[in-house]
Amino acid sequence: MGDKRTQAIVSNPRYQQLRRTRLRYGWTLAAIMLLVYYSFIGVIAFDKELFALKLGEGVMTWGIPAGFGVIVFSVLITGLYVRRANSEFDRLTREIVQEAGQ
């Protein structure tokens, strides 16, 4: 019984569309995250002085908020994926599984 249901799910065009959409969205967000991270690392590697510039009269440099920004960005981009997965992707998955059970 499980094999028939699995086959029904896999052969469903909506499932194929869901797979493509989810994969494309995940890789897009991953590419954006890699761009942000490697840009940060690139500045550290090739223009150390930029992140060494002090902010105001204190001891904090531009590197601290930039590094913090990378961390916050990674949390935000993860939140974007989770929000879409929990709403759109999960709903479509439930509908596809219900169709296969009929």
N, C-alpha and C. Protein backbone atom coordinates (compact mmCIF):
# COMPACT_ATOMS: atom_id res chain seq x y z
N MET A 1 0.82 -1.20 0.00
CA MET A 1 0.00 0.00 0.00
C MET A 1 0.86 1.26 0.00
N GLY A 2 1.92 1.27 0.79
CA GLY A 2 2.79 2.44 0.86
C GLY A 2 3.45 2.74 -0.47
N ASP A 3 3.80 1.71 -1.23
CA ASP A 3 4.44 1.92 -2.52
C ASP A 3 3.49 2.60 -3.51
N LYS A 4 2.22 2.20 -3.50
CA LYS A 4 1.24 2.83 -4.40
C LYS A 4 1.04 4.29 -4.02
N ARG A 5 0.96 4.53 -2.73
CA ARG A 5 0.75 5.91 -2.27
C ARG A 5 1.96 6.77 -2.60
N THR A 6 3.14 6.21 -2.37
CA THR A 6 4.37 6.94 -2.70
C THR A 6 4.43 7.23 -4.19
N GLN A 7 4.09 6.24 -4.98
CA GLN A 7 4.10 6.43 -6.44
C GLN A 7 3.08 7.49 -6.86
N ALA A 8 1.93 7.50 -6.21
CA ALA A 8 0.90 8.50 -6.52
C ALA A 8 1.39 9.90 -6.18
N ILE A 9 2.10 10.01 -5.07
CA ILE A 9 2.63 11.33 -4.66
C ILE A 9 3.71 11.78 -5.64
N VAL A 10 4.65 10.90 -5.92
CA VAL A 10 5.78 11.27 -6.79
C VAL A 10 5.32 11.61 -8.20
N SER A 11 4.30 10.93 -8.68
CA SER A 11 3.83 11.19 -10.04
C SER A 11 2.88 12.39 -10.14
N ASN A 12 2.48 12.94 -9.01
CA ASN A 12 1.58 14.09 -8.99
C ASN A 12 2.31 15.34 -9.51
N PRO A 13 1.77 16.01 -10.53
CA PRO A 13 2.42 17.22 -11.06
C PRO A 13 2.56 18.33 -10.02
N ARG A 14 1.62 18.39 -9.09
CA ARG A 14 1.72 19.40 -8.03
C ARG A 14 2.91 19.12 -7.12
N TYR A 15 3.19 17.83 -6.89
CA TYR A 15 4.36 17.47 -6.08
C TYR A 15 5.64 17.86 -6.80
N GLN A 16 5.70 17.60 -8.09
CA GLN A 16 6.88 17.97 -8.87
C GLN A 16 7.09 19.48 -8.84
N GLN A 17 6.01 20.23 -8.95
CA GLN A 17 6.09 21.69 -8.88
C GLN A 17 6.56 22.13 -7.49
N LEU A 18 6.02 21.52 -6.45
CA LEU A 18 6.43 21.83 -5.08
C LEU A 18 7.92 21.57 -4.90
N ARG A 19 8.38 20.43 -5.39
CA ARG A 19 9.80 20.09 -5.28
C ARG A 19 10.68 21.13 -5.96
N ARG A 20 10.31 21.50 -7.18
CA ARG A 20 11.10 22.49 -7.93
C ARG A 20 11.10 23.84 -7.22
N THR A 21 9.93 24.25 -6.76
CA THR A 21 9.82 25.55 -6.09
C THR A 21 10.62 25.58 -4.80
N ARG A 22 10.48 24.53 -4.00
CA ARG A 22 11.19 24.46 -2.72
C ARG A 22 12.70 24.41 -2.94
N LEU A 23 13.13 23.64 -3.91
CA LEU A 23 14.55 23.53 -4.21
C LEU A 23 15.12 24.86 -4.70
N ARG A 24 14.41 25.50 -5.63
CA ARG A 24 14.86 26.78 -6.17
C ARG A 24 14.92 27.85 -5.07
N TYR A 25 13.90 27.88 -4.21
CA TYR A 25 13.86 28.86 -3.13
C TYR A 25 15.01 28.62 -2.14
N GLY A 26 15.23 27.37 -1.80
CA GLY A 26 16.32 27.05 -0.87
C GLY A 26 17.68 27.42 -1.42
N TRP A 27 17.93 27.10 -2.69
CA TRP A 27 19.22 27.43 -3.30
C TRP A 27 19.38 28.94 -3.48
N THR A 28 18.30 29.63 -3.77
CA THR A 28 18.38 31.09 -3.90
C THR A 28 18.78 31.73 -2.57
N LEU A 29 18.12 31.31 -1.50
CA LEU A 29 18.46 31.85 -0.18
C LEU A 29 19.88 31.46 0.22
N ALA A 30 20.29 30.24 -0.11
CA ALA A 30 21.65 29.81 0.21
C ALA A 30 22.67 30.65 -0.56
N ALA A 31 22.40 30.93 -1.82
CA ALA A 31 23.31 31.74 -2.62
C ALA A 31 23.42 33.16 -2.07
N ILE A 32 22.28 33.71 -1.66
CA ILE A 32 22.30 35.06 -1.07
C ILE A 32 23.11 35.06 0.23
N MET A 33 22.91 34.03 1.06
CA MET A 33 23.65 33.94 2.32
C MET A 33 25.14 33.79 2.06
N LEU A 34 25.51 32.96 1.08
CA LEU A 34 26.92 32.80 0.75
C LEU A 34 27.53 34.10 0.23
N LEU A 35 26.77 34.84 -0.56
CA LEU A 35 27.24 36.12 -1.06
C LEU A 35 27.53 37.09 0.09
N VAL A 36 26.60 37.16 1.04
CA VAL A 36 26.79 38.05 2.20
C VAL A 36 28.01 37.61 3.01
N TYR A 37 28.09 36.31 3.30
CA TYR A 37 29.18 35.80 4.13
C TYR A 37 30.53 36.00 3.45
N TYR A 38 30.63 35.60 2.18
CA TYR A 38 31.91 35.73 1.50
C TYR A 38 32.28 37.18 1.20
N SER A 39 31.31 38.06 1.10
CA SER A 39 31.61 39.48 0.99
C SER A 39 32.26 39.98 2.28
N PHE A 40 31.71 39.55 3.40
CA PHE A 40 32.29 39.90 4.70
C PHE A 40 33.72 39.38 4.81
N ILE A 41 33.92 38.12 4.47
CA ILE A 41 35.25 37.53 4.53
C ILE A 41 36.19 38.20 3.52
N GLY A 42 35.66 38.55 2.35
CA GLY A 42 36.47 39.22 1.34
C GLY A 42 36.98 40.57 1.82
N VAL A 43 36.14 41.31 2.52
CA VAL A 43 36.58 42.60 3.06
C VAL A 43 37.67 42.37 4.10
N ILE A 44 37.49 41.35 4.93
CA ILE A 44 38.52 41.05 5.93
C ILE A 44 39.84 40.68 5.24
N ALA A 45 39.76 39.92 4.17
CA ALA A 45 40.97 39.45 3.49
C ALA A 45 41.66 40.55 2.68
N PHE A 46 40.88 41.40 2.02
CA PHE A 46 41.47 42.32 1.06
C PHE A 46 41.44 43.80 1.46
N ASP A 47 40.67 44.15 2.48
CA ASP A 47 40.61 45.55 2.91
C ASP A 47 40.41 45.61 4.42
N LYS A 48 41.37 45.07 5.14
CA LYS A 48 41.27 45.00 6.60
C LYS A 48 41.03 46.37 7.24
N GLU A 49 41.60 47.38 6.63
CA GLU A 49 41.50 48.72 7.20
C GLU A 49 40.05 49.22 7.26
N LEU A 50 39.21 48.77 6.33
CA LEU A 50 37.81 49.21 6.31
C LEU A 50 37.10 48.80 7.60
N PHE A 51 37.26 47.54 7.99
CA PHE A 51 36.61 47.08 9.22
C PHE A 51 37.37 47.51 10.47
N ALA A 52 38.59 48.02 10.30
CA ALA A 52 39.37 48.48 11.44
C ALA A 52 39.07 49.94 11.79
N LEU A 53 38.32 50.63 10.92
CA LEU A 53 37.97 52.03 11.21
C LEU A 53 37.09 52.10 12.44
N LYS A 54 37.41 53.04 13.31
CA LYS A 54 36.66 53.18 14.56
C LYS A 54 35.34 53.89 14.32
N LEU A 55 34.36 53.48 15.11
CA LEU A 55 33.06 54.14 15.12
C LEU A 55 33.09 55.18 16.24
N GLY A 56 33.10 56.42 15.90
CA GLY A 56 33.10 57.47 16.91
C GLY A 56 34.40 57.51 17.69
N GLU A 57 34.28 57.88 18.95
CA GLU A 57 35.46 58.05 19.82
C GLU A 57 35.79 56.82 20.64
N GLY A 58 34.93 55.81 20.60
CA GLY A 58 35.14 54.61 21.43
C GLY A 58 36.13 53.65 20.80
N VAL A 59 36.05 52.41 21.27
CA VAL A 59 36.96 51.38 20.78
C VAL A 59 36.32 50.47 19.73
N MET A 60 35.02 50.63 19.48
CA MET A 60 34.33 49.76 18.52
C MET A 60 34.72 50.15 17.10
N THR A 61 34.94 49.11 16.29
CA THR A 61 35.27 49.32 14.90
C THR A 61 34.09 48.91 14.03
N TRP A 62 34.18 49.21 12.73
CA TRP A 62 33.11 48.85 11.79
C TRP A 62 32.96 47.33 11.67
N GLY A 63 33.98 46.59 11.98
CA GLY A 63 33.93 45.13 11.88
C GLY A 63 32.92 44.50 12.82
N ILE A 64 32.74 45.08 13.99
CA ILE A 64 31.80 44.52 14.98
C ILE A 64 30.36 44.58 14.46
N PRO A 65 29.84 45.75 14.07
CA PRO A 65 28.47 45.75 13.55
C PRO A 65 28.33 45.00 12.23
N ALA A 66 29.40 44.96 11.42
CA ALA A 66 29.32 44.20 10.17
C ALA A 66 29.20 42.71 10.47
N GLY A 67 29.99 42.20 11.40
CA GLY A 67 29.90 40.79 11.79
C GLY A 67 28.56 40.48 12.42
N PHE A 68 28.10 41.37 13.27
CA PHE A 68 26.78 41.20 13.88
C PHE A 68 25.69 41.21 12.81
N GLY A 69 25.87 42.07 11.80
CA GLY A 69 24.91 42.13 10.70
C GLY A 69 24.83 40.83 9.92
N VAL A 70 25.97 40.18 9.72
CA VAL A 70 25.98 38.88 9.03
C VAL A 70 25.19 37.85 9.85
N ILE A 71 25.38 37.86 11.15
CA ILE A 71 24.66 36.92 12.02
C ILE A 71 23.16 37.20 11.99
N VAL A 72 22.78 38.45 12.12
CA VAL A 72 21.37 38.82 12.09
C VAL A 72 20.75 38.48 10.74
N PHE A 73 21.50 38.74 9.66
CA PHE A 73 21.01 38.41 8.33
C PHE A 73 20.76 36.92 8.19
N SER A 74 21.65 36.10 8.73
CA SER A 74 21.46 34.65 8.64
C SER A 74 20.22 34.20 9.40
N VAL A 75 19.95 34.83 10.53
CA VAL A 75 18.73 34.50 11.29
C VAL A 75 17.50 34.93 10.50
N LEU A 76 17.53 36.11 9.91
CA LEU A 76 16.40 36.61 9.13
C LEU A 76 16.11 35.75 7.91
N ILE A 77 17.15 35.35 7.20
CA ILE A 77 16.96 34.56 6.00
C ILE A 77 16.45 33.15 6.36
N THR A 78 16.88 32.64 7.50
CA THR A 78 16.35 31.37 7.99
C THR A 78 14.88 31.52 8.33
N GLY A 79 14.54 32.63 8.96
CA GLY A 79 13.14 32.91 9.29
C GLY A 79 12.27 33.01 8.05
N LEU A 80 12.79 33.60 6.99
CA LEU A 80 12.05 33.68 5.73
C LEU A 80 11.73 32.29 5.20
N TYR A 81 12.74 31.41 5.22
CA TYR A 81 12.51 30.06 4.72
C TYR A 81 11.50 29.32 5.58
N VAL A 82 11.66 29.42 6.89
CA VAL A 82 10.76 28.71 7.80
C VAL A 82 9.33 29.22 7.65
N ARG A 83 9.17 30.52 7.51
CA ARG A 83 7.83 31.08 7.34
C ARG A 83 7.16 30.54 6.08
N ARG A 84 7.88 30.52 4.98
CA ARG A 84 7.30 30.01 3.73
C ARG A 84 7.08 28.50 3.82
N ALA A 85 8.01 27.79 4.43
CA ALA A 85 7.87 26.34 4.56
C ALA A 85 6.67 25.99 5.42
N ASN A 86 6.49 26.70 6.52
CA ASN A 86 5.39 26.40 7.43
C ASN A 86 4.03 26.79 6.88
N SER A 87 4.00 27.71 5.96
CA SER A 87 2.70 28.12 5.40
C SER A 87 2.46 27.44 4.06
N GLU A 88 3.14 27.90 3.04
CA GLU A 88 2.88 27.43 1.68
C GLU A 88 3.31 25.97 1.46
N PHE A 89 4.56 25.64 1.79
CA PHE A 89 5.07 24.30 1.48
C PHE A 89 4.36 23.22 2.28
N ASP A 90 4.12 23.47 3.55
CA ASP A 90 3.42 22.46 4.37
C ASP A 90 1.97 22.27 3.92
N ARG A 91 1.31 23.36 3.56
CA ARG A 91 -0.07 23.26 3.08
C ARG A 91 -0.13 22.44 1.80
N LEU A 92 0.76 22.74 0.86
CA LEU A 92 0.78 22.00 -0.40
C LEU A 92 1.11 20.52 -0.17
N THR A 93 2.02 20.25 0.75
CA THR A 93 2.37 18.87 1.07
C THR A 93 1.17 18.12 1.62
N ARG A 94 0.45 18.73 2.53
CA ARG A 94 -0.76 18.09 3.09
C ARG A 94 -1.78 17.80 2.00
N GLU A 95 -2.00 18.77 1.11
CA GLU A 95 -2.97 18.58 0.03
C GLU A 95 -2.55 17.44 -0.90
N ILE A 96 -1.28 17.37 -1.22
CA ILE A 96 -0.78 16.32 -2.12
C ILE A 96 -0.92 14.97 -1.47
N VAL A 97 -0.61 14.85 -0.19
CA VAL A 97 -0.73 13.57 0.52
C VAL A 97 -2.19 13.16 0.62
N GLN A 98 -3.09 14.13 0.87
CA GLN A 98 -4.51 13.80 0.92
C GLN A 98 -5.03 13.32 -0.44
N GLU A 99 -4.58 13.94 -1.51
CA GLU A 99 -4.98 13.50 -2.85
C GLU A 99 -4.51 12.08 -3.11
N ALA A 100 -3.32 11.75 -2.65
CA ALA A 100 -2.76 10.42 -2.89
C ALA A 100 -3.49 9.37 -2.06
N GLY A 101 -4.06 9.78 -0.94
CA GLY A 101 -4.78 8.83 -0.08
C GLY A 101 -6.15 8.47 -0.58
N GLN A 102 -6.69 9.22 -1.53
CA GLN A 102 -8.05 8.97 -2.01
C GLN A 102 -8.10 7.88 -3.03
